C-alpha atoms as a PDB file:
ATOM      1  CA  MET A   1      -7.017  -2.944  -5.179  1.00  0.00           C
ATOM      2  CA  THR A   2      -5.230  -5.001  -2.552  1.00  0.00           C
ATOM      3  CA  ALA A   3      -1.666  -6.075  -1.825  1.00  0.00           C
ATOM      4  CA  ARG A   4      -0.293  -8.651   0.552  1.00  0.00           C
ATOM      5  CA  PHE A   5       2.768  -8.407   2.659  1.00  0.00           C
ATOM      6  CA  ASP A   6       4.566 -10.700   5.321  1.00  0.00           C
ATOM      7  CA  HIS A   7       5.058  -7.792   7.841  1.00  0.00           C
ATOM      8  CA  ILE A   8       3.510  -4.144   7.618  1.00  0.00           C
ATOM      9  CA  GLY A   9       5.298  -2.804  10.595  1.00  0.00           C
ATOM     10  CA  GLY A  10       3.808   0.573  11.574  1.00  0.00           C
ATOM     11  CA  LEU A  11       1.893   1.292   8.470  1.00  0.00           C
ATOM     12  CA  THR A  12      -1.572   3.153   9.059  1.00  0.00           C
ATOM     13  CA  VAL A  13      -4.576   3.903   7.266  1.00  0.00           C
ATOM     14  CA  LYS A  14      -4.501   6.990   4.896  1.00  0.00           C
ATOM     15  CA  VAL A  15      -0.717   6.735   4.119  1.00  0.00           C
ATOM     16  CA  PRO A  16       0.227   7.607   0.625  1.00  0.00           C
ATOM     17  CA  VAL A  17       0.405   5.355  -2.215  1.00  0.00           C
ATOM     18  CA  THR A  18       2.978   6.457  -4.671  1.00  0.00           C
ATOM     19  CA  VAL A  19       4.433   5.527  -8.225  1.00  0.00           C
ATOM     20  CA  VAL A  20       7.494   7.141  -9.280  1.00  0.00           C
ATOM     21  CA  GLY A  21       7.214   9.638  -6.508  1.00  0.00           C
ATOM     22  CA  LEU A  22       3.558  10.744  -7.407  1.00  0.00           C
ATOM     23  CA  ALA A  23       0.741  10.054  -5.025  1.00  0.00           C
ATOM     24  CA  ILE A  24      -2.030   8.006  -6.704  1.00  0.00           C
ATOM     25  CA  GLY A  25      -3.969   7.018  -3.706  1.00  0.00           C
ATOM     26  CA  ARG A  26      -4.077   6.112   0.018  1.00  0.00           C
ATOM     27  CA  VAL A  27      -4.157   2.976   2.240  1.00  0.00           C
ATOM     28  CA  ALA A  28      -7.783   2.542   3.125  1.00  0.00           C
ATOM     29  CA  PHE A  29      -7.790  -0.696   5.215  1.00  0.00           C
ATOM     30  CA  PHE A  30      -5.435  -3.482   6.448  1.00  0.00           C
ATOM     31  CA  GLY A  31      -6.174  -6.732   8.032  1.00  0.00           C
ATOM     32  CA  VAL A  32      -4.937 -10.490   8.146  1.00  0.00           C
ATOM     33  CA  ASP A  33      -5.960 -12.895   5.369  1.00  0.00           C
ATOM     34  CA  ALA A  34      -7.736 -15.743   6.868  1.00  0.00           C
ATOM     35  CA  ASN A  35      -6.406 -18.293   4.405  1.00  0.00           C
ATOM     36  CA  ASP A  36      -2.576 -17.716   4.492  1.00  0.00           C
ATOM     37  CA  ARG A  37      -2.213 -15.419   7.624  1.00  0.00           C
ATOM     38  CA  SER A  38      -0.597 -12.780   5.453  1.00  0.00           C
ATOM     39  CA  ALA A  39      -1.053  -8.838   5.934  1.00  0.00           C
ATOM     40  CA  ARG A  40      -3.866  -7.837   3.363  1.00  0.00           C
ATOM     41  CA  VAL A  41      -3.757  -3.931   2.486  1.00  0.00           C
ATOM     42  CA  THR A  42      -6.538  -2.598   0.499  1.00  0.00           C
ATOM     43  CA  LEU A  43      -5.364   0.361  -1.462  1.00  0.00           C
ATOM     44  CA  GLN A  44      -7.833   3.110  -2.630  1.00  0.00           C
ATOM     45  CA  ILE A  45      -6.341   4.181  -6.153  1.00  0.00           C
ATOM     46  CA  ASP A  46      -7.461   7.405  -7.791  1.00  0.00           C
ATOM     47  CA  GLN A  47      -9.555   6.572 -10.904  1.00  0.00           C
ATOM     48  CA  ALA A  48      -7.059   8.389 -13.222  1.00  0.00           C
ATOM     49  CA  TYR A  49      -4.601   5.328 -12.527  1.00  0.00           C
ATOM     50  CA  ASP A  50      -6.993   2.447 -12.488  1.00  0.00           C
ATOM     51  CA  ASN A  51      -5.111   1.080 -15.294  1.00  0.00           C
ATOM     52  CA  LEU A  52      -2.123  -0.206 -13.765  1.00  0.00           C
ATOM     53  CA  PRO A  53      -0.823  -3.465 -14.913  1.00  0.00           C
ATOM     54  CA  THR A  54      -1.876  -6.453 -13.227  1.00  0.00           C
ATOM     55  CA  ASP A  55       1.618  -7.503 -12.445  1.00  0.00           C
ATOM     56  CA  THR A  56       2.482  -4.465 -10.598  1.00  0.00           C
ATOM     57  CA  SER A  57       4.288  -5.032  -7.235  1.00  0.00           C
ATOM     58  CA  ALA A  58       4.026  -2.882  -4.021  1.00  0.00           C
ATOM     59  CA  ALA A  59       6.518  -2.335  -1.226  1.00  0.00           C
ATOM     60  CA  ILE A  60       6.132  -0.489   2.083  1.00  0.00           C
ATOM     61  CA  LEU A  61       8.769   2.024   2.054  1.00  0.00           C
ATOM     62  CA  THR A  62       9.962   4.777   4.590  1.00  0.00           C
ATOM     63  CA  SER A  63      10.788   8.417   3.692  1.00  0.00           C
ATOM     64  CA  GLY A  64      12.744  11.113   5.836  1.00  0.00           C
ATOM     65  CA  LEU A  65      14.431  11.141   9.252  1.00  0.00           C
ATOM     66  CA  LEU A  66      10.942  10.433  11.181  1.00  0.00           C
ATOM     67  CA  GLY A  67      10.413   7.333   9.122  1.00  0.00           C
ATOM     68  CA  ALA A  68       7.024   8.247   7.564  1.00  0.00           C
ATOM     69  CA  GLN A  69       5.957   5.277   5.696  1.00  0.00           C
ATOM     70  CA  TYR A  70       4.276   5.079   2.130  1.00  0.00           C
ATOM     71  CA  VAL A  71       3.448   2.261  -0.312  1.00  0.00           C
END
């Protein structure tokens, strides 16, 4: 699954992907989309959660005082 962002800040590979606070996967890869120059982030989602609706949105958020990021 992929998500596109205008800016990914300090996002790194292996940060958690969560839904309602439950970790359902991790960031696998990110790069620049050649067509529109947006950041394209590949999310590795656990098979149990492969049925997310196609209109699901993603955001890069920060938790804790140290600023740990997650999607």
